[in-house]
Protein backbone atom coordinates (compact mmCIF):
# COMPACT_ATOMS: atom_id res chain seq x y z
CA MET A 1 63.76 149.60 262.12
CA GLN A 2 66.71 151.10 261.59
CA ILE A 3 68.40 154.15 262.95
CA ILE A 4 71.34 156.18 262.51
CA GLN A 5 73.57 158.04 265.71
CA ASN A 6 76.46 158.99 264.70
CA ARG A 7 78.93 161.23 266.32
CA ARG A 8 81.08 161.68 262.94
CA HIS A 9 77.74 162.72 261.44
CA PHE A 10 77.11 165.32 264.21
CA LEU A 11 81.03 167.27 263.91
CA ALA A 12 80.73 166.93 260.55
CA GLY A 13 76.98 169.07 260.79
CA ALA A 14 78.11 171.39 263.27
CA ALA A 15 80.75 172.50 260.46
CA ALA A 16 77.71 173.73 257.48
CA VAL A 17 75.53 174.78 260.42
CA GLY A 18 78.49 176.89 262.78
CA ALA A 19 80.09 178.10 259.69
CA ALA A 20 76.98 180.01 259.04
CA GLY A 21 76.24 181.49 261.89
CA LEU A 22 73.12 179.60 262.65
CA ILE A 23 73.89 177.79 265.83
CA GLY A 24 74.07 181.47 267.49
CA THR A 25 70.50 182.37 266.20
CA THR A 26 69.38 181.20 269.41
CA THR A 27 68.41 184.25 272.11
CA ARG A 28 64.59 183.74 271.63
CA ALA A 29 64.56 179.96 271.64
CA GLN A 30 66.77 180.05 275.10
CA ALA A 31 64.38 182.42 276.58
CA GLU A 32 61.36 179.98 275.93
CA ALA A 33 60.41 177.25 278.32
CA PRO A 34 62.23 174.68 277.72
CA PRO A 35 60.97 171.46 275.42
CA GLU A 36 59.23 168.57 276.95
CA VAL A 37 61.51 166.02 275.26
CA THR A 38 65.21 166.62 274.05
CA SER A 39 64.33 163.44 271.59
CA VAL A 40 62.84 162.88 268.17
CA ARG A 41 63.19 160.52 265.73
CA LEU A 42 62.53 161.85 261.89
CA PRO A 43 63.34 159.54 258.67
CA ALA A 44 66.27 159.51 256.06
CA PHE A 45 66.97 157.68 252.55
CA PRO A 46 70.43 157.28 251.89
CA ASN A 47 71.49 158.66 248.63
CA VAL A 48 67.61 158.46 247.41
CA SER A 49 66.81 161.96 248.16
CA ASP A 50 68.34 164.48 248.25
CA CYS A 51 65.48 167.05 247.94
CA GLN A 52 66.06 166.11 252.10
CA ALA A 53 69.14 167.87 252.77
CA ALA A 54 67.47 170.39 255.18
CA MET A 55 66.70 167.18 257.58
CA TYR A 56 69.87 166.29 257.12
CA VAL A 57 71.82 169.66 258.30
CA SER A 58 69.17 170.04 261.27
CA GLU A 59 71.24 168.19 264.16
CA GLU A 60 73.29 170.62 265.53
CA LEU A 61 70.26 173.51 265.11
CA LEU A 62 68.01 170.79 266.78
CA ARG A 63 70.89 170.12 270.09
CA ALA A 64 71.32 174.40 269.88
CA GLU A 65 66.90 174.31 270.40
CA GLY A 66 67.80 171.12 273.42
CA ILE A 67 66.72 168.30 271.60
CA MET A 68 69.79 166.49 271.84
CA ASP A 69 68.99 162.88 270.82
CA VAL A 70 68.37 162.92 267.40
CA GLN A 71 67.60 159.46 265.40
CA PHE A 72 67.43 159.04 261.41
CA VAL A 73 65.70 156.59 260.88
CA THR A 74 66.54 154.78 258.03
CA SER A 75 63.98 152.06 257.32
CA GLY A 76 60.41 150.61 259.06
CA THR A 77 57.59 148.62 258.75
CA GLY A 78 56.36 149.25 254.87
CA PRO A 79 58.52 151.01 252.32
CA ASP A 80 57.75 154.66 252.63
CA SER A 81 57.53 156.94 255.66
CA ALA A 82 53.99 157.73 255.69
CA ASP A 83 54.36 153.76 257.15
CA TRP A 84 56.70 154.73 259.30
CA ILE A 85 55.03 157.67 261.30
CA ALA A 86 51.94 155.23 260.56
CA ASN A 87 52.71 153.01 262.44
CA ASN A 88 54.65 155.19 265.10
CA GLU A 89 57.95 154.53 264.00
CA LEU A 90 59.11 158.16 263.35
CA ASP A 91 57.99 161.47 265.91
CA PHE A 92 57.75 163.44 262.56
CA ASP A 93 58.04 163.19 258.28
CA TRP A 94 58.56 165.40 255.63
CA ASN A 95 56.95 164.07 252.82
CA PHE A 96 54.91 164.86 248.93
CA PRO A 97 51.35 166.24 249.59
CA PRO A 98 49.27 163.57 248.84
CA ALA A 99 51.28 161.29 250.94
CA HIS A 100 50.49 163.55 254.15
CA ILE A 101 46.84 163.77 252.93
CA ARG A 102 45.81 160.80 252.49
CA SER A 103 47.51 159.17 255.46
CA ILE A 104 45.45 162.15 257.05
CA ALA A 105 41.67 160.75 254.85
CA ASN A 106 42.82 157.39 255.78
CA GLY A 107 42.48 158.36 259.81
CA VAL A 108 46.41 158.12 260.48
CA PRO A 109 46.56 160.91 263.31
CA ILE A 110 50.05 163.27 262.04
CA THR A 111 49.43 167.23 261.87
CA VAL A 112 50.86 168.71 259.14
CA LEU A 113 53.15 171.87 260.18
CA ALA A 114 54.73 173.95 257.48
CA GLY A 115 55.74 173.71 254.02
CA MET A 116 60.09 173.02 253.44
CA HIS A 117 59.87 173.66 249.15
CA ALA A 118 58.56 173.66 246.34
CA GLY A 119 59.25 172.22 243.13
CA CYS A 120 62.11 169.50 243.78
CA LEU A 121 60.53 167.17 240.81
CA GLU A 122 60.40 166.86 236.58
CA LEU A 123 58.48 164.36 234.94
CA PHE A 124 61.05 162.23 232.12
CA ALA A 125 59.81 160.82 228.87
CA ASN A 126 61.16 159.17 226.09
CA ASP A 127 61.23 160.75 222.75
CA SER A 128 57.74 159.54 221.99
CA ILE A 129 55.88 161.33 224.15
CA ARG A 130 56.72 165.16 224.06
CA SER A 131 53.80 166.27 226.95
CA VAL A 132 52.09 164.16 229.51
CA LYS A 133 48.69 164.27 227.58
CA ASP A 134 51.20 162.04 225.47
CA LEU A 135 51.31 159.57 228.02
CA LYS A 136 48.34 157.60 227.08
CA GLY A 137 48.95 153.94 226.49
CA LYS A 138 52.78 154.53 227.57
CA ARG A 139 54.46 152.68 230.78
CA VAL A 140 54.52 154.69 232.87
CA GLY A 141 56.82 153.79 235.96
CA VAL A 142 56.30 154.42 239.57
CA ASP A 143 57.43 152.39 242.70
CA ALA A 144 54.09 151.28 244.28
CA ILE A 145 50.47 152.05 243.01
CA PHE A 146 49.21 154.28 245.78
CA GLY A 147 52.92 155.10 246.67
CA ALA A 148 52.91 159.59 246.20
CA PRO A 149 54.52 159.99 242.82
CA HIS A 150 52.14 157.49 241.20
CA MET A 151 49.47 159.35 242.84
CA LEU A 152 50.95 162.60 241.63
CA LEU A 153 51.01 161.60 237.90
CA VAL A 154 47.11 160.55 238.89
CA ILE A 155 47.04 164.24 239.42
CA MET A 156 48.98 165.24 236.45
CA THR A 157 47.53 163.26 234.03
CA ALA A 158 43.98 164.12 234.93
CA SER A 159 44.83 168.03 234.66
CA VAL A 160 44.51 167.17 230.87
CA GLY A 161 42.19 164.85 229.95
CA LEU A 162 43.81 161.59 230.46
CA ASP A 163 41.76 158.77 232.71
CA PRO A 164 44.17 157.93 234.61
CA ASN A 165 43.57 154.45 235.73
CA ASN A 166 42.10 153.37 231.95
CA ASP A 167 44.87 155.86 230.36
CA ILE A 168 48.44 154.80 232.21
CA ASN A 169 49.62 151.29 231.35
CA TRP A 170 51.34 151.88 235.10
CA ILE A 171 54.57 149.12 235.99
CA ALA A 172 54.79 148.89 239.92
CA THR A 173 57.50 147.91 240.78
CA PRO A 174 59.52 146.90 244.33
CA ASN A 175 62.88 148.24 244.93
CA PHE A 176 61.91 151.16 242.47
CA ASN A 177 65.00 151.90 240.10
CA PRO A 178 64.02 154.18 237.81
CA VAL A 179 66.80 155.14 236.17
CA GLU A 180 68.07 151.31 235.41
CA MET A 181 64.62 150.87 233.85
CA PHE A 182 63.98 154.27 231.49
CA ALA A 183 67.77 153.15 230.29
CA ALA A 184 66.59 149.42 229.70
CA GLY A 185 63.48 150.38 228.11
CA LYS A 186 61.05 148.85 230.35
CA ILE A 187 59.00 151.83 231.31
CA ASP A 188 58.41 155.17 229.33
CA ALA A 189 58.51 158.05 231.47
CA PHE A 190 58.67 158.27 235.41
CA LEU A 191 58.54 161.06 237.71
CA ALA A 192 61.50 162.11 239.19
CA GLY A 193 63.45 163.29 242.39
CA PRO A 194 66.82 164.08 243.74
CA PRO A 195 68.97 162.42 242.48
CA GLN A 196 67.47 160.81 239.98
CA PRO A 197 67.09 164.70 237.10
CA GLN A 198 71.07 164.78 237.66
CA GLU A 199 71.97 161.93 236.77
CA MET A 200 69.92 161.40 234.30
CA ARG A 201 70.67 164.49 232.67
CA VAL A 202 74.15 163.16 232.67
CA ARG A 203 73.98 160.26 231.37
CA LYS A 204 71.59 162.22 228.88
CA LEU A 205 69.04 159.54 228.75
CA GLY A 206 65.42 161.42 228.05
CA HIS A 207 64.06 164.79 228.46
CA VAL A 208 61.40 166.47 230.64
CA ILE A 209 58.27 167.18 230.07
CA LEU A 210 56.60 168.82 233.42
CA ASN A 211 59.06 170.41 235.88
CA THR A 212 57.79 171.63 239.43
CA SER A 213 59.71 174.17 240.05
CA ILE A 214 59.25 176.23 236.79
CA ASP A 215 55.45 175.06 235.72
CA ARG A 216 52.17 176.33 236.50
CA PRO A 217 50.35 175.12 238.83
CA TRP A 218 52.17 172.81 240.36
CA SER A 219 55.42 175.59 241.07
CA GLN A 220 52.71 177.90 242.27
CA TYR A 221 53.00 174.48 245.87
CA PHE A 222 54.24 172.97 248.28
CA CYS A 223 56.33 170.65 246.59
CA CYS A 224 57.26 169.14 250.98
CA MET A 225 55.20 169.95 253.70
CA LEU A 226 56.38 168.84 257.26
CA SER A 227 53.70 166.47 259.80
CA GLY A 228 54.17 164.81 263.66
CA THR A 229 51.85 162.97 264.98
CA SER A 230 49.76 164.72 266.75
CA ASP A 231 50.00 162.77 269.61
CA PHE A 232 53.52 164.38 269.66
CA VAL A 233 52.49 167.73 268.54
CA GLN A 234 49.19 168.07 270.81
CA ARG A 235 51.53 166.86 273.78
CA TYR A 236 54.97 168.66 273.15
CA PRO A 237 54.14 171.92 272.09
CA VAL A 238 57.27 173.96 272.71
CA ALA A 239 59.40 170.87 270.53
CA THR A 240 57.18 170.81 268.57
CA LYS A 241 57.75 174.70 267.94
CA ARG A 242 62.05 174.21 268.39
CA VAL A 243 62.00 171.35 265.98
CA LEU A 244 60.42 172.88 263.05
CA ARG A 245 62.07 176.22 263.74
CA ALA A 246 64.86 174.22 263.24
CA MET A 247 64.04 172.42 260.29
CA LEU A 248 63.56 176.17 258.99
CA LYS A 249 66.52 177.53 259.93
CA ALA A 250 67.97 174.98 258.02
CA VAL A 251 65.70 175.31 254.89
CA ASP A 252 66.81 178.42 254.65
CA LEU A 253 70.75 177.43 255.11
CA CYS A 254 70.27 175.29 251.53
CA VAL A 255 69.76 179.06 250.51
CA SER A 256 72.61 180.98 251.94
CA ASP A 257 75.20 178.17 251.55
CA PRO A 258 74.30 175.58 249.89
CA GLU A 259 77.64 174.54 248.63
CA GLN A 260 78.13 173.76 252.44
CA VAL A 261 75.33 171.78 252.47
CA ALA A 262 75.93 169.45 249.86
CA ARG A 263 79.39 168.34 251.00
CA VAL A 264 77.47 168.00 254.85
CA VAL A 265 75.30 165.55 253.22
CA VAL A 266 78.17 163.72 251.38
CA GLU A 267 79.80 163.31 254.81
CA LYS A 268 77.42 162.10 256.67
CA ARG A 269 76.43 159.69 253.73
CA PHE A 270 72.99 160.84 253.02
CA ALA A 271 73.59 161.92 249.36
CA SER A 272 76.83 160.26 247.42
CA SER A 273 77.49 163.29 244.74
CA TYR A 274 78.37 166.61 245.89
CA ASN A 275 77.94 168.04 242.76
CA TYR A 276 74.06 165.93 242.51
CA ALA A 277 73.25 167.26 245.87
CA LEU A 278 74.63 170.71 244.60
CA GLN A 279 72.67 170.86 242.18
CA ALA A 280 69.20 169.69 243.52
CA MET A 281 69.71 172.63 246.00
CA THR A 282 69.67 174.96 243.29
CA ASP A 283 67.08 173.54 241.00
CA ALA A 284 64.73 172.53 244.01
CA ARG A 285 62.99 176.19 245.51
CA PHE A 286 64.14 176.46 249.12
CA ASP A 287 63.13 179.98 249.45
CA LYS A 288 59.60 179.49 248.99
CA TRP A 289 58.13 178.58 252.35
CA ARG A 290 58.09 182.12 253.86
CA GLU A 291 56.23 183.54 250.49
CA TYR A 292 54.11 180.42 249.71
CA ASP A 293 49.92 179.72 252.17
CA ALA A 294 50.51 176.24 252.75
CA GLU A 295 47.34 175.98 253.63
CA ASP A 296 46.44 176.34 249.72
CA THR A 297 48.78 173.71 249.46
CA ILE A 298 47.17 171.38 250.66
CA ARG A 299 43.41 172.86 249.94
CA PHE A 300 44.72 172.83 246.25
CA TYR A 301 45.48 168.42 245.96
CA ALA A 302 43.38 167.83 248.72
CA LEU A 303 40.89 168.96 245.92
CA ARG A 304 42.16 166.47 243.20
CA MET A 305 42.48 163.61 244.93
CA GLN A 306 39.34 163.65 245.89
CA GLU A 307 37.98 164.82 242.39
CA THR A 308 40.42 161.32 241.32
CA GLY A 309 39.16 159.46 244.18
CA ILE A 310 42.09 158.65 245.69
CA VAL A 311 40.67 160.16 248.71
CA LYS A 312 37.10 160.62 249.90
CA PRO A 313 36.92 163.38 252.84
CA GLY A 314 37.39 167.11 250.34
CA PRO A 315 39.81 170.28 251.21
CA GLN A 316 38.07 171.22 254.00
CA THR A 317 38.19 168.37 256.08
CA ILE A 318 41.14 167.74 255.53
CA ILE A 319 42.45 171.42 256.38
CA THR A 320 40.54 170.77 259.64
CA GLU A 321 40.91 167.46 261.16
CA GLY A 322 45.24 167.04 259.83
CA THR A 323 46.96 170.91 259.73
CA TYR A 324 48.27 173.37 261.89
CA TRP A 325 49.33 176.49 261.49
CA ARG A 326 49.98 178.03 264.34
CA PHE A 327 53.74 177.52 264.91
CA LEU A 328 54.46 178.55 261.03
CA ASP A 329 52.68 181.79 261.83
CA GLU A 330 54.86 182.19 264.57
CA LEU A 331 58.08 181.37 262.73
CA LYS A 332 57.14 183.55 259.93
CA ARG A 333 57.14 186.50 262.50
CA GLU A 334 60.64 185.43 263.95
CA LEU A 335 62.80 184.40 260.93
CA LYS A 336 61.98 187.37 258.13
CA THR A 337 64.77 187.95 256.72
């Protein structure tokens, strides 16, 4: 398990939240009981997940909440942060709704706490494909079968009447590099997350046939959500709420000062390109956490995952066993714009 802890990274992020005036907005937090623990482990995917920028600049906000030891875990047991939290290598996971739902359905003790943002994914295809229906018989690249992109694509293709198991030629590749595979003609389509859409446009590769930021119904639900281990949430409720407050303030920072956030994530080496990181924050909808209903997102995806056979439990079971919205509801009142 690889962990990033670096004073230079802390100072870079402090400049961002300090400039935005967010470090000083801790009166309510100071009035609360202190956090039961002062360390937290968060996932990080340097240079491959720009839509997690809010988490990458949350360190100073977490310190203002009394969480002094912030560890960014960059590798663990398994390829995805959903695996890491299942193996107790994380305390919180920032991930796609289907990843959280499949974990809950498989008995992993996590609790989804809030939606972070909407609309960071775009489905790119070559010129032989003009719509999602045209994916029939095509080579669609994914990192792994039952990885989050694969599950999302199963849901998307099933929604237009395709049989994901028989109509799609899934190309699952370890160390998946979809942009290069697409450029080499090895795949016909893939679901791109930042910074991949930005790179595809710069290189003039393919075209978008579905954009979760603007195309319904996908645009009406969260693209990424935050969960914690159920043990952490239950044993440390004060710390959990403080972590969530810091994350939501960081999300707000992506809206109010995306330029500074982009500079910080590049300085911290979580992103390689300032322009790509800035465009990712412009394209994704970080302004929706107060407006959208997080439970609706879980219900929407859980139902479609059940219908397509990805999970057996129905939406209400997933919601009952794996979600908790009290902290989010309180913070919506506390952090009104």
